[in-house]
Amino acid sequence: MSLSQAQKKAFRSIGHHLNPVVMISENGISEGVLAELDRALNDHELIKVKFALPEREEREAMLEELVAASRAELVHKIGKMALLYRANPRANPKLSNVQRYADHHGRH
């Protein structure tokens, strides 16, 4: 399921205020990183990932691998940051960045 441009725009505005919850370094994508990513997506649905890699090509390759492995959707990328989204209908509304934003702004 692809996100619409309107959804991506809304998610970018939410993501602007988020801190990265997963960091990818030269060590690459380990089982531990994937487990943390999976937990973060389950809890928050919309997360920011930071790539501590100097080479753009390396970042692009790792990002593609991360998106495929996590079954998440890339919402936005800029520099060393990427915003990923994976819907979780059973997400805790207090943890989900998407649901908290909607509740705070009076949308359901």
C-alpha atoms as a PDB file:
ATOM      1  CA  MET A   1       0.000   0.000   0.000  1.00  0.00           C
ATOM      2  CA  SER A   2       1.514   3.300  -1.065  1.00  0.00           C
ATOM      3  CA  LEU A   3       1.062   6.498   0.840  1.00  0.00           C
ATOM      4  CA  SER A   4      -0.615   9.399  -0.917  1.00  0.00           C
ATOM      5  CA  GLN A   5       1.227  12.680  -1.350  1.00  0.00           C
ATOM      6  CA  ALA A   6      -1.087  14.222   1.296  1.00  0.00           C
ATOM      7  CA  GLN A   7      -0.214  11.454   3.773  1.00  0.00           C
ATOM      8  CA  LYS A   8       3.487  11.862   3.077  1.00  0.00           C
ATOM      9  CA  LYS A   9       3.213  15.605   3.619  1.00  0.00           C
ATOM     10  CA  ALA A  10       1.378  15.104   6.928  1.00  0.00           C
ATOM     11  CA  PHE A  11       3.904  12.476   8.045  1.00  0.00           C
ATOM     12  CA  ARG A  12       6.824  14.758   7.118  1.00  0.00           C
ATOM     13  CA  SER A  13       5.398  17.490   9.352  1.00  0.00           C
ATOM     14  CA  ILE A  14       5.096  14.980  12.225  1.00  0.00           C
ATOM     15  CA  GLY A  15       8.555  13.576  11.513  1.00  0.00           C
ATOM     16  CA  HIS A  16      10.134  17.011  11.576  1.00  0.00           C
ATOM     17  CA  HIS A  17       9.795  17.035  15.379  1.00  0.00           C
ATOM     18  CA  LEU A  18      10.948  13.450  15.976  1.00  0.00           C
ATOM     19  CA  ASN A  19      14.361  12.388  17.195  1.00  0.00           C
ATOM     20  CA  PRO A  20      16.026   9.404  15.502  1.00  0.00           C
ATOM     21  CA  VAL A  21      15.231   6.152  17.316  1.00  0.00           C
ATOM     22  CA  VAL A  22      17.488   3.887  15.255  1.00  0.00           C
ATOM     23  CA  MET A  23      21.063   4.607  14.194  1.00  0.00           C
ATOM     24  CA  ILE A  24      22.798   2.767  11.353  1.00  0.00           C
ATOM     25  CA  SER A  25      26.611   2.838  11.418  1.00  0.00           C
ATOM     26  CA  GLU A  26      29.432   1.303   9.378  1.00  0.00           C
ATOM     27  CA  ASN A  27      28.652  -1.985  11.147  1.00  0.00           C
ATOM     28  CA  GLY A  28      25.620  -2.278   8.916  1.00  0.00           C
ATOM     29  CA  ILE A  29      22.267  -3.886   9.561  1.00  0.00           C
ATOM     30  CA  SER A  30      22.595  -6.539  12.256  1.00  0.00           C
ATOM     31  CA  GLU A  31      19.892  -8.719  13.792  1.00  0.00           C
ATOM     32  CA  GLY A  32      19.933  -6.331  16.759  1.00  0.00           C
ATOM     33  CA  VAL A  33      19.334  -3.319  14.540  1.00  0.00           C
ATOM     34  CA  LEU A  34      16.475  -5.095  12.753  1.00  0.00           C
ATOM     35  CA  ALA A  35      14.905  -6.100  16.079  1.00  0.00           C
ATOM     36  CA  GLU A  36      15.122  -2.524  17.353  1.00  0.00           C
ATOM     37  CA  LEU A  37      13.706  -1.194  14.090  1.00  0.00           C
ATOM     38  CA  ASP A  38      10.817  -3.677  14.231  1.00  0.00           C
ATOM     39  CA  ARG A  39      10.039  -2.734  17.840  1.00  0.00           C
ATOM     40  CA  ALA A  40      10.186   0.984  17.056  1.00  0.00           C
ATOM     41  CA  LEU A  41       7.877   0.630  14.027  1.00  0.00           C
ATOM     42  CA  ASN A  42       5.420  -1.482  16.038  1.00  0.00           C
ATOM     43  CA  ASP A  43       5.330   1.066  18.853  1.00  0.00           C
ATOM     44  CA  HIS A  44       5.552   4.351  16.966  1.00  0.00           C
ATOM     45  CA  GLU A  45       4.524   3.520  13.344  1.00  0.00           C
ATOM     46  CA  LEU A  46       6.409   6.603  12.091  1.00  0.00           C
ATOM     47  CA  ILE A  47      10.090   6.777  12.998  1.00  0.00           C
ATOM     48  CA  LYS A  48      13.232   8.652  12.081  1.00  0.00           C
ATOM     49  CA  VAL A  49      16.407   6.688  11.296  1.00  0.00           C
ATOM     50  CA  LYS A  50      19.887   8.208  11.209  1.00  0.00           C
ATOM     51  CA  PHE A  51      22.632   6.840   8.961  1.00  0.00           C
ATOM     52  CA  ALA A  52      26.093   7.527  10.402  1.00  0.00           C
ATOM     53  CA  LEU A  53      27.757   6.722   7.099  1.00  0.00           C
ATOM     54  CA  PRO A  54      29.846   9.261   5.155  1.00  0.00           C
ATOM     55  CA  GLU A  55      29.254   7.809   1.677  1.00  0.00           C
ATOM     56  CA  ARG A  56      25.954   8.603   0.000  1.00  0.00           C
ATOM     57  CA  GLU A  57      25.953   5.346  -1.991  1.00  0.00           C
ATOM     58  CA  GLU A  58      26.386   3.343   1.216  1.00  0.00           C
ATOM     59  CA  ARG A  59      23.501   5.204   2.858  1.00  0.00           C
ATOM     60  CA  GLU A  60      21.263   4.587  -0.163  1.00  0.00           C
ATOM     61  CA  ALA A  61      22.077   0.854  -0.199  1.00  0.00           C
ATOM     62  CA  MET A  62      21.510   0.476   3.553  1.00  0.00           C
ATOM     63  CA  LEU A  63      18.263   2.424   3.352  1.00  0.00           C
ATOM     64  CA  GLU A  64      16.952   0.155   0.590  1.00  0.00           C
ATOM     65  CA  GLU A  65      17.942  -2.912   2.606  1.00  0.00           C
ATOM     66  CA  LEU A  66      16.325  -1.508   5.747  1.00  0.00           C
ATOM     67  CA  VAL A  67      13.048  -0.670   3.989  1.00  0.00           C
ATOM     68  CA  ALA A  68      12.870  -4.132   2.423  1.00  0.00           C
ATOM     69  CA  ALA A  69      13.746  -5.961   5.658  1.00  0.00           C
ATOM     70  CA  SER A  70      11.281  -3.987   7.771  1.00  0.00           C
ATOM     71  CA  ARG A  71       8.411  -3.914   5.243  1.00  0.00           C
ATOM     72  CA  ALA A  72       8.179  -0.199   5.997  1.00  0.00           C
ATOM     73  CA  GLU A  73       7.564   2.585   3.553  1.00  0.00           C
ATOM     74  CA  LEU A  74      10.028   5.381   2.967  1.00  0.00           C
ATOM     75  CA  VAL A  75       8.201   8.642   3.624  1.00  0.00           C
ATOM     76  CA  HIS A  76      11.117  11.029   3.198  1.00  0.00           C
ATOM     77  CA  LYS A  77      14.888  11.170   3.207  1.00  0.00           C
ATOM     78  CA  ILE A  78      17.202  14.091   3.560  1.00  0.00           C
ATOM     79  CA  GLY A  79      20.931  13.898   4.119  1.00  0.00           C
ATOM     80  CA  LYS A  80      21.648  11.240   6.722  1.00  0.00           C
ATOM     81  CA  MET A  81      18.047  11.013   7.968  1.00  0.00           C
ATOM     82  CA  ALA A  82      15.174   8.892   6.734  1.00  0.00           C
ATOM     83  CA  LEU A  83      11.558   8.825   7.846  1.00  0.00           C
ATOM     84  CA  LEU A  84       9.944   5.373   7.758  1.00  0.00           C
ATOM     85  CA  TYR A  85       6.310   4.378   8.253  1.00  0.00           C
ATOM     86  CA  ARG A  86       4.652   1.040   8.853  1.00  0.00           C
ATOM     87  CA  ALA A  87       1.011   0.955   9.917  1.00  0.00           C
ATOM     88  CA  ASN A  88       0.159  -1.008  13.045  1.00  0.00           C
ATOM     89  CA  PRO A  89      -3.611  -1.184  13.657  1.00  0.00           C
ATOM     90  CA  ARG A  90      -2.903  -2.424  17.190  1.00  0.00           C
ATOM     91  CA  ALA A  91      -0.373   0.269  18.073  1.00  0.00           C
ATOM     92  CA  ASN A  92      -0.691   1.822  21.504  1.00  0.00           C
ATOM     93  CA  PRO A  93      -2.255   5.266  20.880  1.00  0.00           C
ATOM     94  CA  LYS A  94       0.042   6.746  23.553  1.00  0.00           C
ATOM     95  CA  LEU A  95       3.133   5.517  21.681  1.00  0.00           C
ATOM     96  CA  SER A  96       2.110   5.902  18.034  1.00  0.00           C
ATOM     97  CA  ASN A  97       3.494   9.148  16.629  1.00  0.00           C
ATOM     98  CA  VAL A  98       0.720   9.144  14.022  1.00  0.00           C
ATOM     99  CA  GLN A  99      -2.159   8.556  16.452  1.00  0.00           C
ATOM    100  CA  ARG A 100      -0.819  10.995  19.054  1.00  0.00           C
ATOM    101  CA  TYR A 101      -0.568  13.693  16.392  1.00  0.00           C
ATOM    102  CA  ALA A 102      -4.106  12.995  15.144  1.00  0.00           C
ATOM    103  CA  ASP A 103      -5.509  13.017  18.688  1.00  0.00           C
ATOM    104  CA  HIS A 104      -3.661  16.223  19.546  1.00  0.00           C
ATOM    105  CA  HIS A 105      -4.991  17.937  16.420  1.00  0.00           C
ATOM    106  CA  GLY A 106      -8.544  16.693  16.804  1.00  0.00           C
ATOM    107  CA  ARG A 107      -8.517  14.152  13.978  1.00  0.00           C
ATOM    108  CA  HIS A 108      -9.470  10.505  14.311  1.00  0.00           C
END
